[in-house]
Amino acid sequence: MNRLLLAAYPEPYRSRQGKELLTCLSEAYPGRSWPPPREVVALVRAGVQARARAVVDDTARPWWLDGIHLTTLVLATLALVPYLQDVWHWALHIDPGRHAIAFHFSGWYPWAQGPGTQTRLLPYGLLPLVCLIALLRGKPWIALPAAAAMIYAGATSNSNTLFGDEGKAGLGYYGLGTPITARDLVLSGALCTACAVLAACRHGRLRRHSYRWLIPVVLAMFVAGSLHIISVSPAFQRGLFALEVAALIAAWVATAATGDYRWLIPVAAFAFIRTQAIVIQPNEFIRSLPDLVVLLLLIAPLPTLAIAAQRRQSRALLE
């Protein structure tokens, strides 16, 4: 199990010092397959810092371009998560039965056609999934039409039978973990705009990530599809909240370690999308937290990251 901790470090570090790190862990904690929680947090933090420094040391692209690329990955993931169960069921021909994601259009498979349902060709979740895969591989010209299709599907959700009526029935939770439906055109519009900026840049300047980054996405689909966890369930809300908090902490660790502002761009986009969804549609959520608390949780990471970057740059000048 100690080898899983090496995944937090960049490949050059693993090839140079991976065996040494594993040996140190086995000697420090003999007979244990996993170090204590405090040691795990320290190792993961060091791995995130090492990855952040490796990103900053790569000068093949400007920091703002890398920040926009990270923003598209964040927005594509944010658009995909409410539809994990639906895409998994559609891909494997699984009948969700009473655990359906609560769309008015159930699907195009024969088992999905019943009284009061209409057919659809594809699940909406395929669009952000295509965006995510294309952006991981540094191909925004493939992600751009998928993002544009997301805008079209959201704008015509009441009359479109291609993707169905992609609105969730039921209430969300008023907080960071609230899912955003396809009808929220601000999310799809921001993703499409960012993809257009990336597509206008010179070919080959974007960072290409391994397909291994899709393993957590497939695992999340498996969990949501197998356990029938829909996006309006408390389990989904808590899981998404924990994921978003972990991502914000990782952005803070990377910014504090490097003094670079590229991670501030996706955090700002995330805060803007979440804030507008809560401010514009407050009646569709269960207010589990006071309004002021939610807005502070959304906005607070921005000055925190900016201050962390400034302090790191000041320390670097003194050194």
C-alpha atoms as a PDB file:
ATOM      1  CA  MET A   1       0.000   0.000   0.000  1.00  0.00           C
ATOM      2  CA  ASN A   2       2.954   2.327   0.496  1.00  0.00           C
ATOM      3  CA  ARG A   3       3.384   2.381  -3.276  1.00  0.00           C
ATOM      4  CA  LEU A   4       0.099   4.263  -3.589  1.00  0.00           C
ATOM      5  CA  LEU A   5       1.705   7.206  -1.817  1.00  0.00           C
ATOM      6  CA  LEU A   6       4.273   7.446  -4.604  1.00  0.00           C
ATOM      7  CA  ALA A   7       1.473   8.405  -7.014  1.00  0.00           C
ATOM      8  CA  ALA A   8       1.424  11.833  -5.347  1.00  0.00           C
ATOM      9  CA  TYR A   9       4.954  12.507  -6.622  1.00  0.00           C
ATOM     10  CA  PRO A  10       5.976  13.305 -10.216  1.00  0.00           C
ATOM     11  CA  GLU A  11       7.478  10.540 -12.339  1.00  0.00           C
ATOM     12  CA  PRO A  12      11.092  11.842 -12.257  1.00  0.00           C
ATOM     13  CA  TYR A  13      10.991  11.842  -8.450  1.00  0.00           C
ATOM     14  CA  ARG A  14       9.573   8.316  -8.358  1.00  0.00           C
ATOM     15  CA  SER A  15      12.259   6.989 -10.676  1.00  0.00           C
ATOM     16  CA  ARG A  16      15.087   8.646  -8.706  1.00  0.00           C
ATOM     17  CA  GLN A  17      13.959   8.346  -5.090  1.00  0.00           C
ATOM     18  CA  GLY A  18      10.945   6.028  -5.100  1.00  0.00           C
ATOM     19  CA  LYS A  19      12.810   2.939  -3.862  1.00  0.00           C
ATOM     20  CA  GLU A  20      14.580   4.950  -1.196  1.00  0.00           C
ATOM     21  CA  LEU A  21      11.271   6.334   0.079  1.00  0.00           C
ATOM     22  CA  LEU A  22       9.696   2.869   0.231  1.00  0.00           C
ATOM     23  CA  THR A  23      12.726   1.525   2.088  1.00  0.00           C
ATOM     24  CA  CYS A  24      12.544   4.342   4.632  1.00  0.00           C
ATOM     25  CA  LEU A  25       8.845   3.677   5.233  1.00  0.00           C
ATOM     26  CA  SER A  26       9.369  -0.069   5.675  1.00  0.00           C
ATOM     27  CA  GLU A  27      12.212   0.553   8.144  1.00  0.00           C
ATOM     28  CA  ALA A  28      10.363   3.259  10.073  1.00  0.00           C
ATOM     29  CA  TYR A  29       7.135   1.268  10.313  1.00  0.00           C
ATOM     30  CA  PRO A  30       8.026  -2.455  10.117  1.00  0.00           C
ATOM     31  CA  GLY A  31       5.135  -4.822   9.598  1.00  0.00           C
ATOM     32  CA  ARG A  32       2.760  -2.060   8.529  1.00  0.00           C
ATOM     33  CA  SER A  33       1.455  -1.717   4.988  1.00  0.00           C
ATOM     34  CA  TRP A  34       0.366   1.861   5.629  1.00  0.00           C
ATOM     35  CA  PRO A  35       2.084   4.584   7.708  1.00  0.00           C
ATOM     36  CA  PRO A  36       0.232   6.564  10.414  1.00  0.00           C
ATOM     37  CA  PRO A  37      -2.272   9.200   9.217  1.00  0.00           C
ATOM     38  CA  ARG A  38       0.036  12.102  10.119  1.00  0.00           C
ATOM     39  CA  GLU A  39       2.814  10.605   7.996  1.00  0.00           C
ATOM     40  CA  VAL A  40       0.387  10.024   5.113  1.00  0.00           C
ATOM     41  CA  VAL A  41      -0.680  13.686   5.160  1.00  0.00           C
ATOM     42  CA  ALA A  42       2.954  14.824   5.234  1.00  0.00           C
ATOM     43  CA  LEU A  43       3.924  12.562   2.315  1.00  0.00           C
ATOM     44  CA  VAL A  44       0.925  13.605   0.195  1.00  0.00           C
ATOM     45  CA  ARG A  45       1.640  17.258   0.911  1.00  0.00           C
ATOM     46  CA  ALA A  46       5.275  16.818  -0.111  1.00  0.00           C
ATOM     47  CA  GLY A  47       4.132  15.064  -3.280  1.00  0.00           C
ATOM     48  CA  VAL A  48       1.778  17.897  -4.210  1.00  0.00           C
ATOM     49  CA  GLN A  49       4.551  20.406  -3.598  1.00  0.00           C
ATOM     50  CA  ALA A  50       6.962  18.400  -5.768  1.00  0.00           C
ATOM     51  CA  ARG A  51       4.411  18.245  -8.593  1.00  0.00           C
ATOM     52  CA  ALA A  52       3.745  21.980  -8.293  1.00  0.00           C
ATOM     53  CA  ARG A  53       7.445  22.828  -8.503  1.00  0.00           C
ATOM     54  CA  ALA A  54       7.824  20.570 -11.534  1.00  0.00           C
ATOM     55  CA  VAL A  55       4.933  22.384 -13.240  1.00  0.00           C
ATOM     56  CA  VAL A  56       6.411  25.813 -12.511  1.00  0.00           C
ATOM     57  CA  ASP A  57       9.891  24.738 -13.677  1.00  0.00           C
ATOM     58  CA  ASP A  58       8.427  23.744 -17.057  1.00  0.00           C
ATOM     59  CA  THR A  59       8.622  26.977 -19.049  1.00  0.00           C
ATOM     60  CA  ALA A  60       7.211  25.570 -22.299  1.00  0.00           C
ATOM     61  CA  ARG A  61       4.019  27.566 -21.774  1.00  0.00           C
ATOM     62  CA  PRO A  62       3.032  30.787 -19.933  1.00  0.00           C
ATOM     63  CA  TRP A  63       1.526  30.434 -16.461  1.00  0.00           C
ATOM     64  CA  TRP A  64      -1.797  32.002 -17.460  1.00  0.00           C
ATOM     65  CA  LEU A  65      -2.293  29.495 -20.288  1.00  0.00           C
ATOM     66  CA  ASP A  66      -1.681  26.631 -17.897  1.00  0.00           C
ATOM     67  CA  GLY A  67      -4.134  28.262 -15.484  1.00  0.00           C
ATOM     68  CA  ILE A  68      -6.855  28.433 -18.138  1.00  0.00           C
ATOM     69  CA  HIS A  69      -6.189  24.787 -19.034  1.00  0.00           C
ATOM     70  CA  LEU A  70      -6.601  23.819 -15.378  1.00  0.00           C
ATOM     71  CA  THR A  71      -9.810  25.856 -15.294  1.00  0.00           C
ATOM     72  CA  THR A  72     -11.314  23.881 -18.180  1.00  0.00           C
ATOM     73  CA  LEU A  73     -10.468  20.615 -16.421  1.00  0.00           C
ATOM     74  CA  VAL A  74     -12.147  21.834 -13.222  1.00  0.00           C
ATOM     75  CA  LEU A  75     -15.275  23.048 -15.037  1.00  0.00           C
ATOM     76  CA  ALA A  76     -15.588  19.853 -17.111  1.00  0.00           C
ATOM     77  CA  THR A  77     -15.327  17.765 -13.938  1.00  0.00           C
ATOM     78  CA  LEU A  78     -17.847  19.989 -12.146  1.00  0.00           C
ATOM     79  CA  ALA A  79     -20.297  19.537 -15.041  1.00  0.00           C
ATOM     80  CA  LEU A  80     -19.785  15.755 -15.149  1.00  0.00           C
ATOM     81  CA  VAL A  81     -20.213  14.753 -11.515  1.00  0.00           C
ATOM     82  CA  PRO A  82     -24.037  15.054 -11.313  1.00  0.00           C
ATOM     83  CA  TYR A  83     -24.354  12.551 -14.200  1.00  0.00           C
ATOM     84  CA  LEU A  84     -21.882   9.848 -13.140  1.00  0.00           C
ATOM     85  CA  GLN A  85     -24.605   7.307 -12.410  1.00  0.00           C
ATOM     86  CA  ASP A  86     -26.480   8.061 -15.633  1.00  0.00           C
ATOM     87  CA  VAL A  87     -23.439   7.631 -17.892  1.00  0.00           C
ATOM     88  CA  TRP A  88     -22.445   4.383 -16.136  1.00  0.00           C
ATOM     89  CA  HIS A  89     -25.931   2.917 -16.495  1.00  0.00           C
ATOM     90  CA  TRP A  90     -26.165   3.976 -20.130  1.00  0.00           C
ATOM     91  CA  ALA A  91     -22.750   2.555 -21.043  1.00  0.00           C
ATOM     92  CA  LEU A  92     -23.405  -0.855 -19.431  1.00  0.00           C
ATOM     93  CA  HIS A  93     -27.132  -1.104 -20.324  1.00  0.00           C
ATOM     94  CA  ILE A  94     -28.097  -1.165 -16.627  1.00  0.00           C
ATOM     95  CA  ASP A  95     -31.696  -0.547 -15.710  1.00  0.00           C
ATOM     96  CA  PRO A  96     -31.627   1.787 -12.680  1.00  0.00           C
ATOM     97  CA  GLY A  97     -35.271   1.045 -11.899  1.00  0.00           C
ATOM     98  CA  ARG A  98     -36.530   3.161  -9.030  1.00  0.00           C
ATOM     99  CA  HIS A  99     -33.005   4.529  -8.590  1.00  0.00           C
ATOM    100  CA  ALA A 100     -33.143   6.471 -11.857  1.00  0.00           C
ATOM    101  CA  ILE A 101     -31.512   9.878 -11.831  1.00  0.00           C
ATOM    102  CA  ALA A 102     -35.000  11.429 -12.048  1.00  0.00           C
ATOM    103  CA  PHE A 103     -34.993  12.702 -15.625  1.00  0.00           C
ATOM    104  CA  HIS A 104     -38.221  13.115 -17.500  1.00  0.00           C
ATOM    105  CA  PHE A 105     -36.666  11.203 -20.407  1.00  0.00           C
ATOM    106  CA  SER A 106     -35.461   7.809 -19.199  1.00  0.00           C
ATOM    107  CA  GLY A 107     -33.327   6.614 -22.120  1.00  0.00           C
ATOM    108  CA  TRP A 108     -33.322   4.973 -25.525  1.00  0.00           C
ATOM    109  CA  TYR A 109     -32.951   1.348 -24.393  1.00  0.00           C
ATOM    110  CA  PRO A 110     -36.083  -0.832 -24.548  1.00  0.00           C
ATOM    111  CA  TRP A 111     -36.046  -1.398 -20.769  1.00  0.00           C
ATOM    112  CA  ALA A 112     -36.071   2.360 -20.199  1.00  0.00           C
ATOM    113  CA  GLN A 113     -39.261   2.963 -22.163  1.00  0.00           C
ATOM    114  CA  GLY A 114     -42.360   2.877 -20.059  1.00  0.00           C
ATOM    115  CA  PRO A 115     -45.571   4.749 -19.339  1.00  0.00           C
ATOM    116  CA  GLY A 116     -45.048   8.497 -19.425  1.00  0.00           C
ATOM    117  CA  THR A 117     -41.474   8.372 -20.728  1.00  0.00           C
ATOM    118  CA  GLN A 118     -39.968   9.513 -23.994  1.00  0.00           C
ATOM    119  CA  THR A 119     -36.832   8.287 -25.670  1.00  0.00           C
ATOM    120  CA  ARG A 120     -33.510  10.094 -25.896  1.00  0.00           C
ATOM    121  CA  LEU A 121     -30.451   9.238 -27.915  1.00  0.00           C
ATOM    122  CA  LEU A 122     -27.578   9.995 -25.537  1.00  0.00           C
ATOM    123  CA  PRO A 123     -27.092  10.951 -21.881  1.00  0.00           C
ATOM    124  CA  TYR A 124     -26.054  14.548 -21.301  1.00  0.00           C
ATOM    125  CA  GLY A 125     -23.132  13.424 -19.153  1.00  0.00           C
ATOM    126  CA  LEU A 126     -21.270  12.223 -22.243  1.00  0.00           C
ATOM    127  CA  LEU A 127     -20.631  15.839 -23.278  1.00  0.00           C
ATOM    128  CA  PRO A 128     -18.590  16.920 -20.221  1.00  0.00           C
ATOM    129  CA  LEU A 129     -16.897  13.502 -20.270  1.00  0.00           C
ATOM    130  CA  VAL A 130     -15.734  14.087 -23.861  1.00  0.00           C
ATOM    131  CA  CYS A 131     -14.548  17.556 -22.827  1.00  0.00           C
ATOM    132  CA  LEU A 132     -12.608  16.153 -19.901  1.00  0.00           C
ATOM    133  CA  ILE A 133     -10.869  13.432 -21.932  1.00  0.00           C
ATOM    134  CA  ALA A 134      -9.984  15.822 -24.770  1.00  0.00           C
ATOM    135  CA  LEU A 135      -8.645  18.461 -22.377  1.00  0.00           C
ATOM    136  CA  LEU A 136      -6.568  15.914 -20.486  1.00  0.00           C
ATOM    137  CA  ARG A 137      -4.860  15.062 -23.762  1.00  0.00           C
ATOM    138  CA  GLY A 138      -4.386  18.724 -24.678  1.00  0.00           C
ATOM    139  CA  LYS A 139      -6.898  18.762 -27.560  1.00  0.00           C
ATOM    140  CA  PRO A 140      -9.233  21.718 -26.981  1.00  0.00           C
ATOM    141  CA  TRP A 141     -10.493  21.694 -30.594  1.00  0.00           C
ATOM    142  CA  ILE A 142     -12.275  18.432 -29.701  1.00  0.00           C
ATOM    143  CA  ALA A 143     -13.580  19.769 -26.384  1.00  0.00           C
ATOM    144  CA  LEU A 144     -14.899  23.001 -27.936  1.00  0.00           C
ATOM    145  CA  PRO A 145     -17.812  21.481 -29.949  1.00  0.00           C
ATOM    146  CA  ALA A 146     -18.743  19.286 -26.972  1.00  0.00           C
ATOM    147  CA  ALA A 147     -18.893  22.376 -24.746  1.00  0.00           C
ATOM    148  CA  ALA A 148     -20.970  24.186 -27.363  1.00  0.00           C
ATOM    149  CA  ALA A 149     -23.338  21.192 -27.421  1.00  0.00           C
ATOM    150  CA  MET A 150     -23.660  21.533 -23.631  1.00  0.00           C
ATOM    151  CA  ILE A 151     -24.903  25.094 -24.102  1.00  0.00           C
ATOM    152  CA  TYR A 152     -27.394  23.938 -26.745  1.00  0.00           C
ATOM    153  CA  ALA A 153     -28.648  21.068 -24.573  1.00  0.00           C
ATOM    154  CA  GLY A 154     -29.133  23.368 -21.582  1.00  0.00           C
ATOM    155  CA  ALA A 155     -30.866  26.084 -23.602  1.00  0.00           C
ATOM    156  CA  THR A 156     -33.285  23.605 -25.232  1.00  0.00           C
ATOM    157  CA  SER A 157     -33.789  21.310 -22.249  1.00  0.00           C
ATOM    158  CA  ASN A 158     -37.578  21.634 -22.372  1.00  0.00           C
ATOM    159  CA  SER A 159     -37.905  20.593 -26.033  1.00  0.00           C
ATOM    160  CA  ASN A 160     -34.748  18.618 -26.881  1.00  0.00           C
ATOM    161  CA  THR A 161     -35.135  14.854 -27.285  1.00  0.00           C
ATOM    162  CA  LEU A 162     -31.491  14.247 -28.203  1.00  0.00           C
ATOM    163  CA  PHE A 163     -30.223  14.337 -24.623  1.00  0.00           C
ATOM    164  CA  GLY A 164     -33.574  14.440 -22.886  1.00  0.00           C
ATOM    165  CA  ASP A 165     -34.833  16.887 -20.295  1.00  0.00           C
ATOM    166  CA  GLU A 166     -31.643  17.058 -18.255  1.00  0.00           C
ATOM    167  CA  GLY A 167     -32.980  18.613 -15.083  1.00  0.00           C
ATOM    168  CA  LYS A 168     -32.867  16.804 -11.765  1.00  0.00           C
ATOM    169  CA  ALA A 169     -36.092  16.341  -9.840  1.00  0.00           C
ATOM    170  CA  GLY A 170     -35.746  17.200  -6.180  1.00  0.00           C
ATOM    171  CA  LEU A 171     -33.841  19.755  -4.130  1.00  0.00           C
ATOM    172  CA  GLY A 172     -30.121  20.238  -3.743  1.00  0.00           C
ATOM    173  CA  TYR A 173     -28.231  21.242  -0.618  1.00  0.00           C
ATOM    174  CA  TYR A 174     -27.326  24.881  -0.111  1.00  0.00           C
ATOM    175  CA  GLY A 175     -23.546  24.740   0.034  1.00  0.00           C
ATOM    176  CA  LEU A 176     -20.315  23.911  -1.763  1.00  0.00           C
ATOM    177  CA  GLY A 177     -21.534  20.406  -2.573  1.00  0.00           C
ATOM    178  CA  THR A 178     -24.609  21.498  -4.503  1.00  0.00           C
ATOM    179  CA  PRO A 179     -24.733  19.901  -7.988  1.00  0.00           C
ATOM    180  CA  ILE A 180     -25.229  22.169 -10.975  1.00  0.00           C
ATOM    181  CA  THR A 181     -27.722  21.089 -13.634  1.00  0.00           C
ATOM    182  CA  ALA A 182     -27.401  21.361 -17.390  1.00  0.00           C
ATOM    183  CA  ARG A 183     -29.768  24.335 -17.357  1.00  0.00           C
ATOM    184  CA  ASP A 184     -27.051  26.447 -15.723  1.00  0.00           C
ATOM    185  CA  LEU A 185     -25.643  28.035 -18.875  1.00  0.00           C
ATOM    186  CA  VAL A 186     -23.022  29.993 -16.935  1.00  0.00           C
ATOM    187  CA  LEU A 187     -21.035  26.799 -16.311  1.00  0.00           C
ATOM    188  CA  SER A 188     -21.247  25.522 -19.891  1.00  0.00           C
ATOM    189  CA  GLY A 189     -20.695  29.033 -21.280  1.00  0.00           C
ATOM    190  CA  ALA A 190     -17.554  29.547 -19.189  1.00  0.00           C
ATOM    191  CA  LEU A 191     -16.248  26.120 -20.230  1.00  0.00           C
ATOM    192  CA  CYS A 192     -16.918  26.844 -23.914  1.00  0.00           C
ATOM    193  CA  THR A 193     -15.193  30.241 -23.697  1.00  0.00           C
ATOM    194  CA  ALA A 194     -12.116  28.781 -22.007  1.00  0.00           C
ATOM    195  CA  CYS A 195     -11.943  25.969 -24.584  1.00  0.00           C
ATOM    196  CA  ALA A 196     -12.117  28.554 -27.376  1.00  0.00           C
ATOM    197  CA  VAL A 197      -9.167  30.432 -25.844  1.00  0.00           C
ATOM    198  CA  LEU A 198      -7.139  27.220 -25.660  1.00  0.00           C
ATOM    199  CA  ALA A 199      -8.084  26.223 -29.209  1.00  0.00           C
ATOM    200  CA  ALA A 200      -6.855  29.601 -30.486  1.00  0.00           C
ATOM    201  CA  CYS A 201      -3.405  28.991 -29.038  1.00  0.00           C
ATOM    202  CA  ARG A 202      -0.587  27.388 -30.956  1.00  0.00           C
ATOM    203  CA  HIS A 203      -0.801  23.606 -31.310  1.00  0.00           C
ATOM    204  CA  GLY A 204       1.394  21.683 -28.908  1.00  0.00           C
ATOM    205  CA  ARG A 205       1.665  24.356 -26.199  1.00  0.00           C
ATOM    206  CA  LEU A 206      -0.822  22.708 -23.849  1.00  0.00           C
ATOM    207  CA  ARG A 207       0.207  20.180 -21.257  1.00  0.00           C
ATOM    208  CA  ARG A 208      -0.796  16.579 -22.001  1.00  0.00           C
ATOM    209  CA  HIS A 209      -1.803  14.408 -19.077  1.00  0.00           C
ATOM    210  CA  SER A 210      -1.828  10.623 -18.957  1.00  0.00           C
ATOM    211  CA  TYR A 211      -5.026   8.611 -19.356  1.00  0.00           C
ATOM    212  CA  ARG A 212      -4.331   7.342 -15.841  1.00  0.00           C
ATOM    213  CA  TRP A 213      -5.942  10.547 -14.556  1.00  0.00           C
ATOM    214  CA  LEU A 214      -9.254   9.056 -15.735  1.00  0.00           C
ATOM    215  CA  ILE A 215      -8.992   6.181 -13.232  1.00  0.00           C
ATOM    216  CA  PRO A 216     -10.614   8.215 -10.409  1.00  0.00           C
ATOM    217  CA  VAL A 217     -13.396   9.237 -12.831  1.00  0.00           C
ATOM    218  CA  VAL A 218     -14.118   5.612 -13.775  1.00  0.00           C
ATOM    219  CA  LEU A 219     -13.996   4.624 -10.104  1.00  0.00           C
ATOM    220  CA  ALA A 220     -16.464   7.374  -9.224  1.00  0.00           C
ATOM    221  CA  MET A 221     -18.780   6.204 -12.018  1.00  0.00           C
ATOM    222  CA  PHE A 222     -18.552   2.636 -10.725  1.00  0.00           C
ATOM    223  CA  VAL A 223     -19.396   3.676  -7.164  1.00  0.00           C
ATOM    224  CA  ALA A 224     -22.264   5.955  -8.222  1.00  0.00           C
ATOM    225  CA  GLY A 225     -23.641   3.398 -10.685  1.00  0.00           C
ATOM    226  CA  SER A 226     -23.258   0.325  -8.476  1.00  0.00           C
ATOM    227  CA  LEU A 227     -24.628   1.942  -5.313  1.00  0.00           C
ATOM    228  CA  HIS A 228     -27.212   4.018  -7.229  1.00  0.00           C
ATOM    229  CA  ILE A 229     -25.985   7.271  -5.668  1.00  0.00           C
ATOM    230  CA  ILE A 230     -27.869  10.068  -7.392  1.00  0.00           C
ATOM    231  CA  SER A 231     -26.709  13.659  -7.260  1.00  0.00           C
ATOM    232  CA  VAL A 232     -29.463  14.833  -4.923  1.00  0.00           C
ATOM    233  CA  SER A 233     -28.687  12.245  -2.231  1.00  0.00           C
ATOM    234  CA  PRO A 234     -26.901  13.291   0.998  1.00  0.00           C
ATOM    235  CA  ALA A 235     -24.103  10.789   0.297  1.00  0.00           C
ATOM    236  CA  PHE A 236     -23.374  12.459  -3.038  1.00  0.00           C
ATOM    237  CA  GLN A 237     -23.480  15.920  -1.478  1.00  0.00           C
ATOM    238  CA  ARG A 238     -21.005  14.979   1.261  1.00  0.00           C
ATOM    239  CA  GLY A 239     -18.682  13.240  -1.192  1.00  0.00           C
ATOM    240  CA  LEU A 240     -18.640  16.183  -3.603  1.00  0.00           C
ATOM    241  CA  PHE A 241     -18.092  18.619  -0.735  1.00  0.00           C
ATOM    242  CA  ALA A 242     -15.108  16.574   0.505  1.00  0.00           C
ATOM    243  CA  LEU A 243     -13.672  16.397  -3.022  1.00  0.00           C
ATOM    244  CA  GLU A 244     -13.967  20.149  -3.542  1.00  0.00           C
ATOM    245  CA  VAL A 245     -12.388  20.930  -0.171  1.00  0.00           C
ATOM    246  CA  ALA A 246      -9.497  18.551  -0.954  1.00  0.00           C
ATOM    247  CA  ALA A 247      -8.968  20.264  -4.317  1.00  0.00           C
ATOM    248  CA  LEU A 248      -8.922  23.708  -2.669  1.00  0.00           C
ATOM    249  CA  ILE A 249      -6.389  22.521  -0.094  1.00  0.00           C
ATOM    250  CA  ALA A 250      -4.197  21.090  -2.879  1.00  0.00           C
ATOM    251  CA  ALA A 251      -4.364  24.427  -4.722  1.00  0.00           C
ATOM    252  CA  TRP A 252      -3.314  26.241  -1.546  1.00  0.00           C
ATOM    253  CA  VAL A 253      -0.403  23.846  -0.929  1.00  0.00           C
ATOM    254  CA  ALA A 254       0.799  24.251  -4.542  1.00  0.00           C
ATOM    255  CA  THR A 255       0.510  28.040  -4.408  1.00  0.00           C
ATOM    256  CA  ALA A 256       2.255  28.326  -1.040  1.00  0.00           C
ATOM    257  CA  ALA A 257       5.106  26.093  -2.255  1.00  0.00           C
ATOM    258  CA  THR A 258       5.771  27.920  -5.517  1.00  0.00           C
ATOM    259  CA  GLY A 259       4.369  31.446  -5.244  1.00  0.00           C
ATOM    260  CA  ASP A 260       2.775  30.939  -8.666  1.00  0.00           C
ATOM    261  CA  TYR A 261      -0.643  32.381  -9.507  1.00  0.00           C
ATOM    262  CA  ARG A 262      -1.788  29.777 -12.050  1.00  0.00           C
ATOM    263  CA  TRP A 263      -3.830  27.849  -9.476  1.00  0.00           C
ATOM    264  CA  LEU A 264      -5.704  31.026  -8.565  1.00  0.00           C
ATOM    265  CA  ILE A 265      -7.425  31.045 -11.980  1.00  0.00           C
ATOM    266  CA  PRO A 266      -9.376  27.744 -11.599  1.00  0.00           C
ATOM    267  CA  VAL A 267     -10.204  28.571  -7.973  1.00  0.00           C
ATOM    268  CA  ALA A 268     -11.624  31.943  -9.055  1.00  0.00           C
ATOM    269  CA  ALA A 269     -13.685  30.292 -11.815  1.00  0.00           C
ATOM    270  CA  PHE A 270     -14.964  27.682  -9.363  1.00  0.00           C
ATOM    271  CA  ALA A 271     -15.966  30.352  -6.829  1.00  0.00           C
ATOM    272  CA  PHE A 272     -17.754  32.387  -9.517  1.00  0.00           C
ATOM    273  CA  ILE A 273     -19.734  29.412 -10.861  1.00  0.00           C
ATOM    274  CA  ARG A 274     -20.749  28.253  -7.394  1.00  0.00           C
ATOM    275  CA  THR A 275     -21.656  31.748  -6.185  1.00  0.00           C
ATOM    276  CA  GLN A 276     -23.883  32.601  -9.130  1.00  0.00           C
ATOM    277  CA  ALA A 277     -25.669  29.233  -8.890  1.00  0.00           C
ATOM    278  CA  ILE A 278     -26.516  29.837  -5.240  1.00  0.00           C
ATOM    279  CA  VAL A 279     -27.366  33.546  -5.524  1.00  0.00           C
ATOM    280  CA  ILE A 280     -29.537  33.208  -8.629  1.00  0.00           C
ATOM    281  CA  GLN A 281     -31.386  30.020  -7.601  1.00  0.00           C
ATOM    282  CA  PRO A 282     -31.701  30.107  -3.793  1.00  0.00           C
ATOM    283  CA  ASN A 283     -35.229  28.660  -3.777  1.00  0.00           C
ATOM    284  CA  GLU A 284     -34.095  25.352  -5.316  1.00  0.00           C
ATOM    285  CA  PHE A 285     -31.810  24.438  -2.417  1.00  0.00           C
ATOM    286  CA  ILE A 286     -32.234  23.223   1.124  1.00  0.00           C
ATOM    287  CA  ARG A 287     -30.521  25.879   3.225  1.00  0.00           C
ATOM    288  CA  SER A 288     -28.333  23.658   5.362  1.00  0.00           C
ATOM    289  CA  LEU A 289     -25.988  26.608   6.032  1.00  0.00           C
ATOM    290  CA  PRO A 290     -26.617  30.360   6.432  1.00  0.00           C
ATOM    291  CA  ASP A 291     -26.178  32.403   3.272  1.00  0.00           C
ATOM    292  CA  LEU A 292     -23.260  34.407   4.640  1.00  0.00           C
ATOM    293  CA  VAL A 293     -21.377  31.264   5.705  1.00  0.00           C
ATOM    294  CA  VAL A 294     -21.718  29.714   2.254  1.00  0.00           C
ATOM    295  CA  LEU A 295     -20.571  32.861   0.449  1.00  0.00           C
ATOM    296  CA  LEU A 296     -17.593  33.232   2.799  1.00  0.00           C
ATOM    297  CA  LEU A 297     -16.591  29.611   2.163  1.00  0.00           C
ATOM    298  CA  LEU A 298     -16.713  30.267  -1.577  1.00  0.00           C
ATOM    299  CA  ILE A 299     -14.875  33.594  -1.603  1.00  0.00           C
ATOM    300  CA  ALA A 300     -12.323  33.028   1.192  1.00  0.00           C
ATOM    301  CA  PRO A 301      -9.977  30.781  -0.875  1.00  0.00           C
ATOM    302  CA  LEU A 302      -9.245  33.626  -3.336  1.00  0.00           C
ATOM    303  CA  PRO A 303      -7.469  36.037  -0.955  1.00  0.00           C
ATOM    304  CA  THR A 304      -5.951  33.048   0.864  1.00  0.00           C
ATOM    305  CA  LEU A 305      -4.207  31.832  -2.294  1.00  0.00           C
ATOM    306  CA  ALA A 306      -3.187  35.363  -3.302  1.00  0.00           C
ATOM    307  CA  ILE A 307      -1.617  35.999   0.119  1.00  0.00           C
ATOM    308  CA  ALA A 308       0.142  32.616   0.054  1.00  0.00           C
ATOM    309  CA  ALA A 309       1.641  33.385  -3.365  1.00  0.00           C
ATOM    310  CA  GLN A 310       2.763  36.851  -2.276  1.00  0.00           C
ATOM    311  CA  ARG A 311       4.403  35.527   0.887  1.00  0.00           C
ATOM    312  CA  ARG A 312       6.260  32.837  -1.062  1.00  0.00           C
ATOM    313  CA  GLN A 313       7.526  35.382  -3.575  1.00  0.00           C
ATOM    314  CA  SER A 314       8.662  37.737  -0.788  1.00  0.00           C
ATOM    315  CA  ARG A 315      10.494  34.868   0.934  1.00  0.00           C
ATOM    316  CA  ALA A 316      12.179  33.955  -2.342  1.00  0.00           C
ATOM    317  CA  LEU A 317      13.443  37.537  -2.751  1.00  0.00           C
ATOM    318  CA  LEU A 318      14.898  37.524   0.768  1.00  0.00           C
ATOM    319  CA  GLU A 319      16.672  34.255   0.089  1.00  0.00           C
END
